Amino acid sequence: MSVKQPDVIDFVARDPNTGDALLVMVEVRDWNSSPIATQQLDAKLAAYSEFILSGALARQFPEAANRPVRIQLDHFCPITEAAGTKLREWAGKLSGIPVSVWSHRRYWNPLLKFLCTIAAKFGGSRPGPVRWLPESNSKLVLLTSAQFAAEFCDALRLAVPDHRVQIVKDLEIRVVDPTGRGSGGFLDNA
């Protein structure tokens, strides 16, 4: 799999050290050799976010439902400024859920892998995953379905204060007018 296939979740696993639910995407291309790689990374991050926010992760992997979630990009070439910007942007968007965004540089060359292992044994640091943090001015934060439903109902209550607005379940609401007549609605396409 690769970043150029945004409709595919590459790997889902549990981090043995932290217990986090780990959603991994892989990029084997050189970021500079593929002009659309950053756009594809953006699309892949959007798909992974939708997989989490829609509840598909929890439905398909129930053991991940109550664990912290980490999206990780495994890559073989250095991250470009544009790819780094996308990773920080998504770290900001997902910070309200919370889902963390990481990258991990991998190496094809067995000699380079061996040298990194030796350096780590003699006190050097072994290259590991890097957590991307949002820009300090990041304003766009994605909401879970429960958060969205709550905000929608709050806004609706302000718009029609004489109506009773309730969340029935996840993305389903019920509105009762002052005469007691009720109607329902779904927010999954809002």
N, C-alpha and C. Protein backbone atom coordinates (compact mmCIF):
# COMPACT_ATOMS: atom_id res chain seq x y z
N MET A 1 0.84 -1.17 0.00
CA MET A 1 0.00 0.00 0.00
C MET A 1 0.89 1.24 0.00
N SER A 2 0.27 2.35 -0.26
CA SER A 2 1.04 3.58 -0.31
C SER A 2 0.12 4.77 -0.10
N VAL A 3 0.72 5.91 0.15
CA VAL A 3 -0.04 7.15 0.32
C VAL A 3 -0.86 7.45 -0.92
N LYS A 4 -0.42 6.98 -2.09
CA LYS A 4 -1.16 7.29 -3.32
C LYS A 4 -2.47 6.51 -3.42
N GLN A 5 -2.79 5.67 -2.45
CA GLN A 5 -4.07 4.97 -2.39
C GLN A 5 -4.84 5.44 -1.15
N PRO A 6 -5.47 6.61 -1.25
CA PRO A 6 -6.10 7.18 -0.05
C PRO A 6 -7.30 6.40 0.47
N ASP A 7 -7.89 5.55 -0.34
CA ASP A 7 -9.07 4.82 0.09
C ASP A 7 -8.75 3.50 0.79
N VAL A 8 -7.47 3.27 1.09
CA VAL A 8 -7.04 2.03 1.73
C VAL A 8 -6.37 2.36 3.07
N ILE A 9 -6.83 1.67 4.13
CA ILE A 9 -6.14 1.75 5.42
C ILE A 9 -5.03 0.71 5.35
N ASP A 10 -3.77 1.16 5.38
CA ASP A 10 -2.65 0.26 5.15
C ASP A 10 -2.51 -0.79 6.25
N PHE A 11 -2.38 -0.34 7.51
CA PHE A 11 -2.21 -1.27 8.63
C PHE A 11 -2.93 -0.73 9.86
N VAL A 12 -3.51 -1.63 10.63
CA VAL A 12 -4.05 -1.31 11.95
C VAL A 12 -3.40 -2.27 12.92
N ALA A 13 -2.85 -1.73 14.00
CA ALA A 13 -2.15 -2.57 14.97
C ALA A 13 -2.28 -1.94 16.36
N ARG A 14 -1.74 -2.63 17.35
CA ARG A 14 -1.65 -2.08 18.70
C ARG A 14 -0.18 -1.93 19.03
N ASP A 15 0.21 -0.74 19.46
CA ASP A 15 1.59 -0.51 19.83
C ASP A 15 1.89 -1.31 21.09
N PRO A 16 2.86 -2.24 21.05
CA PRO A 16 3.11 -3.09 22.22
C PRO A 16 3.68 -2.31 23.41
N ASN A 17 4.30 -1.17 23.15
CA ASN A 17 4.90 -0.38 24.24
C ASN A 17 3.89 0.51 24.94
N THR A 18 2.98 1.13 24.18
CA THR A 18 2.05 2.10 24.76
C THR A 18 0.61 1.60 24.82
N GLY A 19 0.29 0.58 24.04
CA GLY A 19 -1.09 0.09 23.96
C GLY A 19 -1.96 0.91 23.02
N ASP A 20 -1.40 1.95 22.40
CA ASP A 20 -2.16 2.79 21.47
C ASP A 20 -2.66 1.98 20.29
N ALA A 21 -3.84 2.35 19.78
CA ALA A 21 -4.30 1.83 18.49
C ALA A 21 -3.49 2.58 17.44
N LEU A 22 -2.88 1.86 16.56
CA LEU A 22 -1.93 2.42 15.61
C LEU A 22 -2.44 2.21 14.19
N LEU A 23 -2.69 3.32 13.48
CA LEU A 23 -3.08 3.26 12.07
C LEU A 23 -1.88 3.75 11.27
N VAL A 24 -1.30 2.87 10.48
CA VAL A 24 -0.06 3.17 9.77
C VAL A 24 -0.33 3.33 8.28
N MET A 25 0.26 4.36 7.69
CA MET A 25 0.29 4.52 6.24
C MET A 25 1.75 4.51 5.82
N VAL A 26 2.01 4.09 4.60
CA VAL A 26 3.40 3.92 4.15
C VAL A 26 3.63 4.74 2.89
N GLU A 27 4.77 5.43 2.84
CA GLU A 27 5.18 6.14 1.63
C GLU A 27 6.59 5.71 1.27
N VAL A 28 6.73 5.07 0.11
CA VAL A 28 8.03 4.58 -0.32
C VAL A 28 8.70 5.52 -1.33
N ARG A 29 7.93 6.41 -1.91
CA ARG A 29 8.47 7.33 -2.93
C ARG A 29 9.26 8.46 -2.29
N ASP A 30 10.15 9.04 -3.08
CA ASP A 30 10.83 10.27 -2.69
C ASP A 30 9.82 11.40 -2.84
N TRP A 31 9.61 12.17 -1.78
CA TRP A 31 8.62 13.25 -1.81
C TRP A 31 8.88 14.23 -2.95
N ASN A 32 10.16 14.46 -3.26
CA ASN A 32 10.51 15.43 -4.30
C ASN A 32 10.28 14.89 -5.71
N SER A 33 10.25 13.57 -5.88
CA SER A 33 10.10 13.01 -7.22
C SER A 33 8.63 12.90 -7.64
N SER A 34 7.72 13.06 -6.71
CA SER A 34 6.31 12.94 -7.02
C SER A 34 5.60 14.24 -6.61
N PRO A 35 5.29 15.09 -7.58
CA PRO A 35 4.72 16.40 -7.27
C PRO A 35 3.37 16.35 -6.54
N ILE A 36 2.63 15.25 -6.68
CA ILE A 36 1.32 15.20 -6.03
C ILE A 36 1.34 14.40 -4.71
N ALA A 37 2.51 13.97 -4.27
CA ALA A 37 2.61 13.14 -3.06
C ALA A 37 2.02 13.85 -1.84
N THR A 38 2.24 15.15 -1.73
CA THR A 38 1.72 15.89 -0.57
C THR A 38 0.20 15.96 -0.62
N GLN A 39 -0.37 16.15 -1.81
CA GLN A 39 -1.84 16.15 -1.94
C GLN A 39 -2.40 14.77 -1.60
N GLN A 40 -1.69 13.73 -2.01
CA GLN A 40 -2.13 12.37 -1.71
C GLN A 40 -2.01 12.08 -0.21
N LEU A 41 -0.98 12.62 0.43
CA LEU A 41 -0.85 12.49 1.88
C LEU A 41 -2.04 13.15 2.58
N ASP A 42 -2.43 14.32 2.11
CA ASP A 42 -3.59 15.03 2.67
C ASP A 42 -4.86 14.18 2.53
N ALA A 43 -5.06 13.60 1.35
CA ALA A 43 -6.24 12.75 1.11
C ALA A 43 -6.20 11.50 2.00
N LYS A 44 -5.02 10.92 2.17
CA LYS A 44 -4.89 9.72 3.00
C LYS A 44 -5.17 10.05 4.46
N LEU A 45 -4.66 11.18 4.94
CA LEU A 45 -4.93 11.60 6.32
C LEU A 45 -6.42 11.87 6.52
N ALA A 46 -7.08 12.43 5.51
CA ALA A 46 -8.53 12.66 5.58
C ALA A 46 -9.27 11.33 5.67
N ALA A 47 -8.85 10.35 4.88
CA ALA A 47 -9.50 9.03 4.90
C ALA A 47 -9.30 8.33 6.25
N TYR A 48 -8.10 8.41 6.79
CA TYR A 48 -7.83 7.81 8.10
C TYR A 48 -8.68 8.49 9.17
N SER A 49 -8.79 9.81 9.09
CA SER A 49 -9.60 10.56 10.06
C SER A 49 -11.06 10.15 9.97
N GLU A 50 -11.57 10.01 8.75
CA GLU A 50 -12.95 9.58 8.55
C GLU A 50 -13.15 8.17 9.10
N PHE A 51 -12.18 7.30 8.92
CA PHE A 51 -12.24 5.94 9.44
C PHE A 51 -12.39 5.95 10.97
N ILE A 52 -11.70 6.87 11.62
CA ILE A 52 -11.78 6.99 13.08
C ILE A 52 -13.09 7.67 13.49
N LEU A 53 -13.38 8.83 12.88
CA LEU A 53 -14.54 9.64 13.28
C LEU A 53 -15.87 8.96 12.99
N SER A 54 -15.94 8.18 11.94
CA SER A 54 -17.19 7.51 11.58
C SER A 54 -17.51 6.34 12.50
N GLY A 55 -16.54 5.95 13.31
CA GLY A 55 -16.73 4.80 14.19
C GLY A 55 -16.32 3.49 13.56
N ALA A 56 -15.85 3.53 12.31
CA ALA A 56 -15.46 2.30 11.62
C ALA A 56 -14.29 1.60 12.33
N LEU A 57 -13.35 2.36 12.86
CA LEU A 57 -12.22 1.76 13.58
C LEU A 57 -12.75 0.96 14.77
N ALA A 58 -13.64 1.57 15.56
CA ALA A 58 -14.18 0.90 16.75
C ALA A 58 -15.05 -0.31 16.37
N ARG A 59 -15.79 -0.20 15.26
CA ARG A 59 -16.63 -1.33 14.84
C ARG A 59 -15.80 -2.50 14.33
N GLN A 60 -14.79 -2.20 13.52
CA GLN A 60 -13.98 -3.27 12.93
C GLN A 60 -12.94 -3.83 13.90
N PHE A 61 -12.50 -2.98 14.83
CA PHE A 61 -11.48 -3.39 15.80
C PHE A 61 -11.95 -2.96 17.19
N PRO A 62 -12.89 -3.68 17.78
CA PRO A 62 -13.47 -3.28 19.07
C PRO A 62 -12.43 -3.08 20.17
N GLU A 63 -11.33 -3.83 20.09
CA GLU A 63 -10.28 -3.68 21.10
C GLU A 63 -9.60 -2.31 21.04
N ALA A 64 -9.78 -1.59 19.94
CA ALA A 64 -9.18 -0.26 19.79
C ALA A 64 -10.11 0.85 20.27
N ALA A 65 -11.35 0.49 20.60
CA ALA A 65 -12.37 1.49 20.90
C ALA A 65 -12.00 2.42 22.06
N ASN A 66 -11.39 1.91 23.10
CA ASN A 66 -11.10 2.74 24.27
C ASN A 66 -9.61 3.02 24.45
N ARG A 67 -8.88 2.92 23.38
CA ARG A 67 -7.44 3.17 23.42
C ARG A 67 -7.12 4.51 22.76
N PRO A 68 -6.03 5.15 23.18
CA PRO A 68 -5.57 6.32 22.43
C PRO A 68 -5.26 5.89 21.00
N VAL A 69 -5.51 6.78 20.04
CA VAL A 69 -5.29 6.46 18.62
C VAL A 69 -4.13 7.29 18.09
N ARG A 70 -3.29 6.64 17.30
CA ARG A 70 -2.14 7.29 16.69
C ARG A 70 -2.14 6.97 15.21
N ILE A 71 -2.09 8.02 14.39
CA ILE A 71 -1.89 7.84 12.94
C ILE A 71 -0.40 8.02 12.70
N GLN A 72 0.20 7.07 12.00
CA GLN A 72 1.64 7.13 11.77
C GLN A 72 1.96 6.95 10.29
N LEU A 73 2.79 7.85 9.78
CA LEU A 73 3.31 7.76 8.42
C LEU A 73 4.69 7.14 8.49
N ASP A 74 4.85 5.95 7.91
CA ASP A 74 6.17 5.34 7.77
C ASP A 74 6.69 5.72 6.39
N HIS A 75 7.89 6.28 6.35
CA HIS A 75 8.44 6.78 5.07
C HIS A 75 9.91 6.44 4.98
N PHE A 76 10.42 6.44 3.75
CA PHE A 76 11.79 6.03 3.49
C PHE A 76 12.69 7.18 3.04
N CYS A 77 12.11 8.30 2.70
CA CYS A 77 12.88 9.48 2.29
C CYS A 77 12.58 10.62 3.27
N PRO A 78 13.51 11.55 3.41
CA PRO A 78 13.28 12.65 4.35
C PRO A 78 11.98 13.41 4.04
N ILE A 79 11.31 13.84 5.09
CA ILE A 79 10.07 14.62 4.96
C ILE A 79 10.40 15.99 4.38
N THR A 80 9.63 16.41 3.39
CA THR A 80 9.80 17.75 2.82
C THR A 80 9.04 18.75 3.68
N GLU A 81 9.29 20.01 3.45
CA GLU A 81 8.58 21.06 4.19
C GLU A 81 7.07 20.97 3.95
N ALA A 82 6.68 20.71 2.71
CA ALA A 82 5.25 20.62 2.39
C ALA A 82 4.59 19.45 3.11
N ALA A 83 5.25 18.29 3.15
CA ALA A 83 4.70 17.13 3.85
C ALA A 83 4.64 17.41 5.35
N GLY A 84 5.66 18.06 5.89
CA GLY A 84 5.66 18.44 7.31
C GLY A 84 4.52 19.38 7.65
N THR A 85 4.24 20.31 6.74
CA THR A 85 3.13 21.25 6.95
C THR A 85 1.81 20.49 7.02
N LYS A 86 1.62 19.51 6.14
CA LYS A 86 0.39 18.69 6.15
C LYS A 86 0.27 17.90 7.46
N LEU A 87 1.37 17.33 7.92
CA LEU A 87 1.34 16.56 9.16
C LEU A 87 0.99 17.45 10.35
N ARG A 88 1.56 18.66 10.41
CA ARG A 88 1.22 19.60 11.49
C ARG A 88 -0.23 20.05 11.38
N GLU A 89 -0.69 20.30 10.15
CA GLU A 89 -2.08 20.72 9.93
C GLU A 89 -3.05 19.66 10.45
N TRP A 90 -2.81 18.40 10.12
CA TRP A 90 -3.69 17.34 10.58
C TRP A 90 -3.55 17.09 12.07
N ALA A 91 -2.37 17.30 12.63
CA ALA A 91 -2.21 17.20 14.09
C ALA A 91 -3.12 18.21 14.77
N GLY A 92 -3.25 19.39 14.18
CA GLY A 92 -4.16 20.41 14.72
C GLY A 92 -5.61 20.02 14.56
N LYS A 93 -5.97 19.53 13.38
CA LYS A 93 -7.36 19.14 13.12
C LYS A 93 -7.81 18.02 14.06
N LEU A 94 -6.91 17.10 14.37
CA LEU A 94 -7.27 15.94 15.17
C LEU A 94 -7.04 16.13 16.67
N SER A 95 -6.54 17.28 17.05
CA SER A 95 -6.20 17.51 18.46
C SER A 95 -7.41 17.53 19.38
N GLY A 96 -8.59 17.83 18.88
CA GLY A 96 -9.77 17.87 19.72
C GLY A 96 -10.38 16.51 19.98
N ILE A 97 -9.93 15.47 19.30
CA ILE A 97 -10.60 14.17 19.39
C ILE A 97 -10.16 13.36 20.61
N PRO A 98 -9.00 13.17 21.01
CA PRO A 98 -7.68 13.45 20.44
C PRO A 98 -7.10 12.23 19.71
N VAL A 99 -6.49 12.52 18.60
CA VAL A 99 -5.74 11.54 17.83
C VAL A 99 -4.40 12.18 17.53
N SER A 100 -3.31 11.48 17.79
CA SER A 100 -2.00 12.06 17.53
C SER A 100 -1.49 11.64 16.15
N VAL A 101 -0.62 12.48 15.59
CA VAL A 101 -0.05 12.25 14.26
C VAL A 101 1.47 12.09 14.42
N TRP A 102 1.99 11.02 13.86
CA TRP A 102 3.41 10.70 13.97
C TRP A 102 3.98 10.35 12.59
N SER A 103 5.29 10.41 12.49
CA SER A 103 5.97 9.87 11.31
C SER A 103 7.17 9.07 11.79
N HIS A 104 7.58 8.10 10.98
CA HIS A 104 8.72 7.28 11.34
C HIS A 104 9.54 7.01 10.09
N ARG A 105 10.77 7.47 10.10
CA ARG A 105 11.67 7.26 8.96
C ARG A 105 12.21 5.84 9.02
N ARG A 106 12.04 5.12 7.95
CA ARG A 106 12.54 3.76 7.81
C ARG A 106 13.71 3.77 6.84
N TYR A 107 14.52 2.72 6.86
CA TYR A 107 15.69 2.64 5.99
C TYR A 107 15.69 1.33 5.22
N TRP A 108 15.90 1.42 3.90
CA TRP A 108 16.00 0.23 3.05
C TRP A 108 17.34 -0.46 3.25
N ASN A 109 18.37 0.36 3.38
CA ASN A 109 19.74 -0.14 3.37
C ASN A 109 20.04 -0.92 4.67
N PRO A 110 20.34 -2.21 4.57
CA PRO A 110 20.62 -3.00 5.78
C PRO A 110 21.86 -2.51 6.53
N LEU A 111 22.86 -2.00 5.80
CA LEU A 111 24.06 -1.49 6.46
C LEU A 111 23.71 -0.27 7.31
N LEU A 112 22.88 0.62 6.77
CA LEU A 112 22.47 1.81 7.50
C LEU A 112 21.65 1.42 8.74
N LYS A 113 20.77 0.44 8.60
CA LYS A 113 20.00 -0.06 9.75
C LYS A 113 20.94 -0.60 10.82
N PHE A 114 21.95 -1.37 10.39
CA PHE A 114 22.91 -1.94 11.33
C PHE A 114 23.68 -0.84 12.05
N LEU A 115 24.13 0.16 11.32
CA LEU A 115 24.89 1.27 11.94
C LEU A 115 24.02 2.04 12.94
N CYS A 116 22.75 2.23 12.65
CA CYS A 116 21.84 2.89 13.59
C CYS A 116 21.68 2.07 14.86
N THR A 117 21.61 0.75 14.72
CA THR A 117 21.48 -0.15 15.87
C THR A 117 22.74 -0.09 16.74
N ILE A 118 23.91 -0.11 16.10
CA ILE A 118 25.18 -0.03 16.83
C ILE A 118 25.29 1.32 17.55
N ALA A 119 24.96 2.39 16.86
CA ALA A 119 25.03 3.73 17.47
C ALA A 119 24.13 3.80 18.70
N ALA A 120 22.96 3.20 18.63
CA ALA A 120 22.03 3.22 19.76
C ALA A 120 22.60 2.45 20.95
N LYS A 121 23.32 1.36 20.69
CA LYS A 121 23.90 0.57 21.78
C LYS A 121 25.03 1.29 22.49
N PHE A 122 25.67 2.22 21.81
CA PHE A 122 26.79 2.96 22.41
C PHE A 122 26.38 4.36 22.83
N GLY A 123 25.13 4.51 23.19
CA GLY A 123 24.69 5.78 23.76
C GLY A 123 24.10 6.76 22.76
N GLY A 124 24.18 6.46 21.50
CA GLY A 124 23.56 7.35 20.52
C GLY A 124 22.06 7.11 20.49
N SER A 125 21.37 7.98 19.87
CA SER A 125 19.92 7.78 19.81
C SER A 125 19.55 7.06 18.52
N ARG A 126 18.65 6.14 18.65
CA ARG A 126 18.15 5.41 17.49
C ARG A 126 16.99 6.21 16.92
N PRO A 127 17.00 6.45 15.62
CA PRO A 127 15.90 7.22 15.04
C PRO A 127 14.57 6.50 15.29
N GLY A 128 13.63 7.19 15.84
CA GLY A 128 12.34 6.60 16.14
C GLY A 128 11.22 7.48 15.63
N PRO A 129 10.02 7.15 16.00
CA PRO A 129 8.87 7.94 15.57
C PRO A 129 8.94 9.38 16.07
N VAL A 130 8.43 10.28 15.26
CA VAL A 130 8.39 11.71 15.59
C VAL A 130 6.93 12.13 15.71
N ARG A 131 6.58 12.76 16.82
CA ARG A 131 5.20 13.26 16.98
C ARG A 131 5.11 14.66 16.40
N TRP A 132 4.11 14.87 15.56
CA TRP A 132 3.88 16.17 14.96
C TRP A 132 2.87 16.93 15.81
N LEU A 133 3.21 18.14 16.13
CA LEU A 133 2.33 18.99 16.93
C LEU A 133 1.72 20.06 16.05
N PRO A 134 0.51 20.51 16.40
CA PRO A 134 -0.13 21.54 15.57
C PRO A 134 0.58 22.87 15.68
N GLU A 135 0.40 23.68 14.65
CA GLU A 135 0.89 25.06 14.69
C GLU A 135 0.19 25.76 15.86
N SER A 136 0.83 26.73 16.45
CA SER A 136 0.25 27.43 17.60
C SER A 136 -1.02 28.19 17.22
N ASN A 137 -1.16 28.56 15.96
CA ASN A 137 -2.34 29.32 15.52
C ASN A 137 -3.39 28.43 14.86
N SER A 138 -3.30 27.12 15.06
CA SER A 138 -4.23 26.17 14.46
C SER A 138 -5.64 26.39 15.00
N LYS A 139 -6.59 26.59 14.08
CA LYS A 139 -7.96 26.88 14.49
C LYS A 139 -8.96 25.81 14.08
N LEU A 140 -8.67 25.06 13.06
CA LEU A 140 -9.62 24.06 12.56
C LEU A 140 -9.41 22.75 13.30
N VAL A 141 -10.40 22.38 14.11
CA VAL A 141 -10.35 21.13 14.86
C VAL A 141 -11.56 20.30 14.47
N LEU A 142 -11.34 19.05 14.09
CA LEU A 142 -12.44 18.15 13.75
C LEU A 142 -13.11 17.66 15.02
N LEU A 143 -14.38 17.34 14.90
CA LEU A 143 -15.16 16.88 16.05
C LEU A 143 -15.58 15.43 15.87
N THR A 144 -15.75 14.75 16.98
CA THR A 144 -16.35 13.41 16.92
C THR A 144 -17.82 13.60 16.60
N SER A 145 -18.50 12.51 16.26
CA SER A 145 -19.92 12.62 15.95
C SER A 145 -20.71 13.10 17.17
N ALA A 146 -20.32 12.66 18.37
CA ALA A 146 -21.02 13.11 19.58
C ALA A 146 -20.79 14.60 19.83
N GLN A 147 -19.55 15.07 19.61
CA GLN A 147 -19.26 16.50 19.79
C GLN A 147 -20.03 17.32 18.76
N PHE A 148 -20.07 16.84 17.51
CA PHE A 148 -20.78 17.57 16.47
C PHE A 148 -22.27 17.66 16.79
N ALA A 149 -22.87 16.53 17.21
CA ALA A 149 -24.30 16.52 17.54
C ALA A 149 -24.59 17.49 18.69
N ALA A 150 -23.73 17.51 19.69
CA ALA A 150 -23.93 18.43 20.82
C ALA A 150 -23.86 19.89 20.36
N GLU A 151 -22.86 20.22 19.54
CA GLU A 151 -22.74 21.60 19.04
C GLU A 151 -23.91 21.97 18.14
N PHE A 152 -24.34 21.04 17.29
CA PHE A 152 -25.48 21.30 16.41
C PHE A 152 -26.73 21.59 17.24
N CYS A 153 -26.97 20.77 18.26
CA CYS A 153 -28.16 20.96 19.11
C CYS A 153 -28.08 22.28 19.88
N ASP A 154 -26.90 22.63 20.35
CA ASP A 154 -26.74 23.92 21.04
C ASP A 154 -27.10 25.08 20.10
N ALA A 155 -26.63 25.01 18.86
CA ALA A 155 -26.93 26.07 17.88
C ALA A 155 -28.42 26.09 17.54
N LEU A 156 -29.02 24.91 17.42
CA LEU A 156 -30.45 24.84 17.11
C LEU A 156 -31.29 25.38 18.27
N ARG A 157 -30.87 25.10 19.49
CA ARG A 157 -31.59 25.62 20.66
C ARG A 157 -31.57 27.16 20.68
N LEU A 158 -30.45 27.73 20.27
CA LEU A 158 -30.36 29.19 20.19
C LEU A 158 -31.26 29.74 19.08
N ALA A 159 -31.35 29.01 17.98
CA ALA A 159 -32.16 29.46 16.84
C ALA A 159 -33.65 29.33 17.11
N VAL A 160 -34.06 28.31 17.82
CA VAL A 160 -35.49 28.09 18.14
C VAL A 160 -35.61 27.83 19.64
N PRO A 161 -35.51 28.88 20.46
CA PRO A 161 -35.47 28.69 21.91
C PRO A 161 -36.76 28.11 22.50
N ASP A 162 -37.88 28.23 21.81
CA ASP A 162 -39.14 27.70 22.34
C ASP A 162 -39.33 26.21 22.01
N HIS A 163 -38.38 25.60 21.32
CA HIS A 163 -38.46 24.17 20.97
C HIS A 163 -37.54 23.38 21.91
N ARG A 164 -37.90 22.14 22.13
CA ARG A 164 -37.06 21.25 22.92
C ARG A 164 -36.25 20.40 21.94
N VAL A 165 -34.93 20.45 22.07
CA VAL A 165 -34.02 19.73 21.16
C VAL A 165 -33.27 18.68 21.96
N GLN A 166 -33.32 17.43 21.48
CA GLN A 166 -32.67 16.33 22.18
C GLN A 166 -31.82 15.51 21.21
N ILE A 167 -30.77 14.95 21.76
CA ILE A 167 -29.98 13.97 21.00
C ILE A 167 -30.56 12.60 21.35
N VAL A 168 -31.05 11.90 20.33
CA VAL A 168 -31.64 10.57 20.54
C VAL A 168 -30.52 9.55 20.68
N LYS A 169 -29.63 9.54 19.71
CA LYS A 169 -28.43 8.71 19.74
C LYS A 169 -27.47 9.28 18.71
N ASP A 170 -26.22 8.91 18.82
CA ASP A 170 -25.12 9.37 17.98
C ASP A 170 -25.47 10.57 17.09
N LEU A 171 -25.93 10.39 15.89
CA LEU A 171 -26.21 11.51 14.98
C LEU A 171 -27.71 11.65 14.68
N GLU A 172 -28.52 11.28 15.64
CA GLU A 172 -29.96 11.40 15.48
C GLU A 172 -30.50 12.37 16.54
N ILE A 173 -31.36 13.32 16.09
CA ILE A 173 -31.93 14.29 17.04
C ILE A 173 -33.46 14.25 16.96
N ARG A 174 -34.07 14.81 17.98
CA ARG A 174 -35.52 14.96 18.03
C ARG A 174 -35.81 16.38 18.47
N VAL A 175 -36.76 17.02 17.77
CA VAL A 175 -37.15 18.40 18.07
C VAL A 175 -38.65 18.39 18.36
N VAL A 176 -39.03 18.98 19.49
CA VAL A 176 -40.43 19.07 19.89
C VAL A 176 -40.80 20.55 19.96
N ASP A 177 -41.86 20.93 19.20
CA ASP A 177 -42.28 22.34 19.19
C ASP A 177 -43.13 22.64 20.43
N PRO A 178 -43.47 23.91 20.64
CA PRO A 178 -44.22 24.29 21.84
C PRO A 178 -45.58 23.60 21.98
N THR A 179 -46.15 23.14 20.88
CA THR A 179 -47.45 22.45 20.95
C THR A 179 -47.30 20.96 21.28
N GLY A 180 -46.07 20.49 21.33
CA GLY A 180 -45.83 19.08 21.64
C GLY A 180 -45.63 18.20 20.43
N ARG A 181 -45.70 18.80 19.25
CA ARG A 181 -45.48 18.02 18.02
C ARG A 181 -43.99 17.80 17.80
N GLY A 182 -43.62 16.55 17.62
CA GLY A 182 -42.20 16.24 17.48
C GLY A 182 -41.83 15.82 16.07
N SER A 183 -40.57 16.00 15.78
CA SER A 183 -40.01 15.53 14.51
C SER A 183 -38.57 15.10 14.78
N GLY A 184 -38.08 14.26 13.91
CA GLY A 184 -36.72 13.75 14.08
C GLY A 184 -35.86 14.11 12.89
N GLY A 185 -34.58 13.93 13.07
CA GLY A 185 -33.65 14.21 11.99
C GLY A 185 -32.33 13.50 12.21
N PHE A 186 -31.58 13.35 11.13
CA PHE A 186 -30.27 12.71 11.18
C PHE A 186 -29.23 13.72 10.74
N LEU A 187 -28.10 13.71 11.43
CA LEU A 187 -27.03 14.68 11.15
C LEU A 187 -25.87 14.08 10.38
N ASP A 188 -25.99 12.83 9.92
CA ASP A 188 -24.86 12.18 9.28
C ASP A 188 -24.47 12.79 7.94
N ASN A 189 -25.31 13.62 7.36
CA ASN A 189 -24.92 14.28 6.12
C ASN A 189 -24.82 15.80 6.28
N ALA A 190 -24.81 16.25 7.54
CA ALA A 190 -24.76 17.70 7.78
C ALA A 190 -23.36 18.25 7.59
